[in-house]
Every structure is written in C-alpha cells, then in structure tokens.
Protein backbone atom coordinates (compact mmCIF):
# COMPACT_ATOMS: atom_id res chain seq x y z
CA MET A 1 51.41 137.79 60.31
CA ALA A 2 54.12 135.19 61.24
CA LYS A 3 55.71 132.89 58.87
CA ALA A 4 55.19 129.14 60.15
CA ARG A 5 58.79 127.79 61.20
CA THR A 6 59.69 124.51 59.81
CA LEU A 7 62.39 122.32 60.56
CA ASP A 8 64.53 124.14 57.70
CA THR A 9 63.95 127.48 58.42
CA PRO A 10 66.95 129.18 59.60
CA PHE A 11 67.89 129.94 63.21
CA ARG A 12 68.34 133.19 64.25
CA ARG A 13 70.49 134.86 67.12
CA GLY A 14 69.36 134.27 70.54
CA GLU A 15 67.02 131.29 69.35
CA LYS A 16 67.18 127.97 71.63
CA VAL A 17 68.14 125.09 69.92
CA GLN A 18 69.26 121.10 70.72
CA THR A 19 71.41 118.65 68.96
CA VAL A 20 69.96 115.90 67.30
CA HIS A 21 73.32 113.98 66.73
CA LYS A 22 76.90 113.90 69.07
CA VAL A 23 78.35 117.11 67.87
CA ASP A 24 82.27 116.84 68.60
CA ASP A 25 82.30 116.27 72.20
CA VAL A 26 78.89 117.63 72.99
CA ALA A 27 76.20 115.17 73.44
CA GLU A 28 72.75 114.45 71.48
CA GLY A 29 70.08 116.51 73.13
CA ALA A 30 72.42 119.26 74.36
CA ARG A 31 70.48 122.64 74.50
CA GLY A 32 72.06 125.89 73.99
CA LYS A 33 71.32 129.45 72.44
CA ILE A 34 72.48 130.52 68.74
CA GLN A 35 75.48 133.25 69.42
CA LEU A 36 75.77 133.53 65.34
CA SER A 37 74.58 132.24 62.24
CA ASN A 38 76.42 132.18 58.98
CA GLY A 39 76.54 130.40 55.55
CA LEU A 40 74.60 130.81 52.45
CA GLY A 41 71.88 129.23 51.03
CA GLU A 42 71.74 125.07 51.99
CA TRP A 43 75.30 125.78 53.82
CA ARG A 44 74.04 126.98 57.18
CA ARG A 45 76.26 126.87 59.92
CA TYR A 46 75.65 128.26 63.76
CA TRP A 47 77.75 128.70 66.46
CA VAL A 48 75.92 128.06 69.51
CA ARG A 49 76.86 128.44 73.52
CA PHE A 50 75.54 125.37 75.15
CA GLU A 51 73.84 125.20 78.76
CA ASP A 52 77.16 124.21 80.35
CA GLY A 53 78.88 127.37 79.02
CA GLU A 54 80.86 125.64 76.14
CA ILE A 55 80.81 127.61 72.85
CA ARG A 56 81.31 125.25 69.39
CA GLY A 57 81.40 126.76 66.15
CA GLN A 58 80.61 125.48 62.35
CA ILE A 59 77.60 123.36 63.59
CA SER A 60 75.61 122.63 60.50
CA HIS A 61 71.84 123.36 60.48
CA GLU A 62 71.07 119.49 59.98
CA SER A 63 72.78 118.73 63.53
CA LEU A 64 70.29 121.32 65.19
CA VAL A 65 66.49 121.53 66.01
CA ARG A 66 64.08 123.70 67.81
CA PRO A 67 63.19 121.97 70.91
CA SER A 68 59.32 122.33 70.09
CA GLN A 69 60.17 120.71 66.60
CA TRP A 70 61.94 117.61 68.14
CA GLY A 71 59.00 115.13 67.60
CA ASP A 72 58.72 116.52 63.86
CA TRP A 73 62.11 115.59 63.51
CA LEU A 74 62.02 112.46 64.45
CA ARG A 75 58.86 111.77 62.03
CA ARG A 76 60.80 113.12 59.23
CA GLU A 77 63.59 111.04 60.05
CA GLU A 78 61.26 107.66 60.49
CA GLU A 79 59.83 108.66 57.07
CA ARG A 80 63.63 109.03 55.43
CA GLU A 81 64.70 105.61 56.73
CA GLN A 82 61.19 104.17 55.42
CA ALA A 83 61.82 105.66 52.13
CA ALA A 84 65.66 104.55 52.01
CA LEU A 85 64.44 100.65 52.86
CA ARG A 86 61.62 101.00 50.13
CA SER A 87 64.10 101.99 47.38
CA ALA A 88 66.57 99.46 48.38
CA ASP A 89 63.79 96.58 48.24
CA GLU A 90 63.11 98.19 44.91
CA ALA A 91 66.77 97.97 43.77
CA GLU A 92 67.19 94.57 44.89
CA ALA A 93 63.91 93.61 43.17
CA ALA A 94 65.27 95.01 39.92
CA ALA A 95 68.26 93.50 40.12
CA GLU A 96 67.02 90.46 40.43
CA VAL A 97 64.90 90.53 37.58
CA ALA A 98 67.87 91.80 35.46
CA ALA A 99 69.96 88.45 36.87
CA SER A 100 67.26 86.35 35.83
CA SER A 101 66.94 87.71 32.29
CA ALA A 102 70.05 87.85 31.70
CA GLY A 103 70.51 84.15 32.77
CA ASP A 104 67.60 83.56 30.09
CA ALA A 105 69.86 85.38 27.50
CA GLY A 106 72.69 83.47 28.02
CA GLY A 107 74.85 85.66 29.44
CA GLY A 108 75.03 85.18 32.88
CA GLY A 109 76.84 82.20 32.81
CA GLY A 110 76.09 81.88 37.10
CA SER A 111 78.70 84.39 37.74
CA ASP A 112 78.15 87.13 40.46
CA LEU A 113 79.29 89.71 38.03
CA ALA A 114 76.73 89.21 35.48
CA SER A 115 73.96 90.30 38.13
CA LYS A 116 76.00 93.50 38.43
CA ILE A 117 75.53 94.31 34.98
CA PRO A 118 72.24 95.84 33.33
CA ALA A 119 70.54 92.96 31.01
CA HIS A 120 70.63 95.74 28.08
CA LEU A 121 74.40 96.13 28.41
CA LEU A 122 74.95 92.25 28.04
CA GLU A 123 72.57 92.45 25.16
CA ARG A 124 74.36 94.87 23.59
CA SER A 125 77.85 93.07 24.13
CA GLN A 126 76.31 89.33 22.59
CA ALA A 127 75.03 91.17 19.71
CA ALA A 128 78.20 92.73 18.98
CA LYS A 129 80.28 89.41 19.69
CA ALA A 130 77.92 87.80 17.23
CA ARG A 131 78.31 90.89 14.91
CA LEU A 132 82.15 90.13 15.03
CA LEU A 133 82.23 86.20 15.22
CA GLY A 134 80.09 86.47 11.80
CA GLY A 135 77.55 84.30 13.75
C-alpha cells in the first residue's frame, strides 16, 4: 500500500514539481523535474531541471510543490495567514490590557515606553522603588 503524499513528503528524483515562490530568476509557478535530492531532516534541498532547460540547485523544499497539491498549498498558506492575524490581534489586545493596567497603577505616566513594558515588571519596579525610598 502506497503512503499518502503530503506537502511535507520529500520529493524523489524524477518527480514533477513547480515553484511556489520566485527562486532566483525562476518565476513563480515554473514547472520542472527533481534531478537530485539532498539534505537531512527538515533541511531538504533539491536540484531541479525546469521546462526551459535551466537547472537550479539548492532549492528549498518550502519553495516547491507537486502540481497536484497546488490547491492544498494555497489552503495551508491561507490558514497560516489567518493564524498570524489572529495572534497579532491577540497580542495587540494583551498590550492594550497591560497598558491600561500600568496606567491605573500609576506607572504609565502616558509614555509610549510604558505600553511596551509588561505590567508585572512595572509593579515589581514600583515595589522596589518604595522599599529603597522607605515609602
């Protein structure tokens, strides 16, 4: 029984591929065949002979896809973009909460720097200052 090929399955010699990004002077979507596969573990590189006869070496696995998996690759990239947007929104919300709690604690002073410092560090700093000044 043949193994299911995923986007992360290494390419074999002679397998048809296409680029998903511009690689050197090779355009996105250019098709070719794997001539040589090298690398270890997650660091996989390939030599590819493109349809125009050009041979390019040291092309990363992340820059190539099987033509039949192009749609899968597009879906995965869309999911990654959505996840990045969600995490950016969550980080922004957390920064707003930290800035408002720092402002409530009196450590903010309205400066932009206070919004970049986590609230627990501002509180720790205020406690140390109070100890040193005897207040």
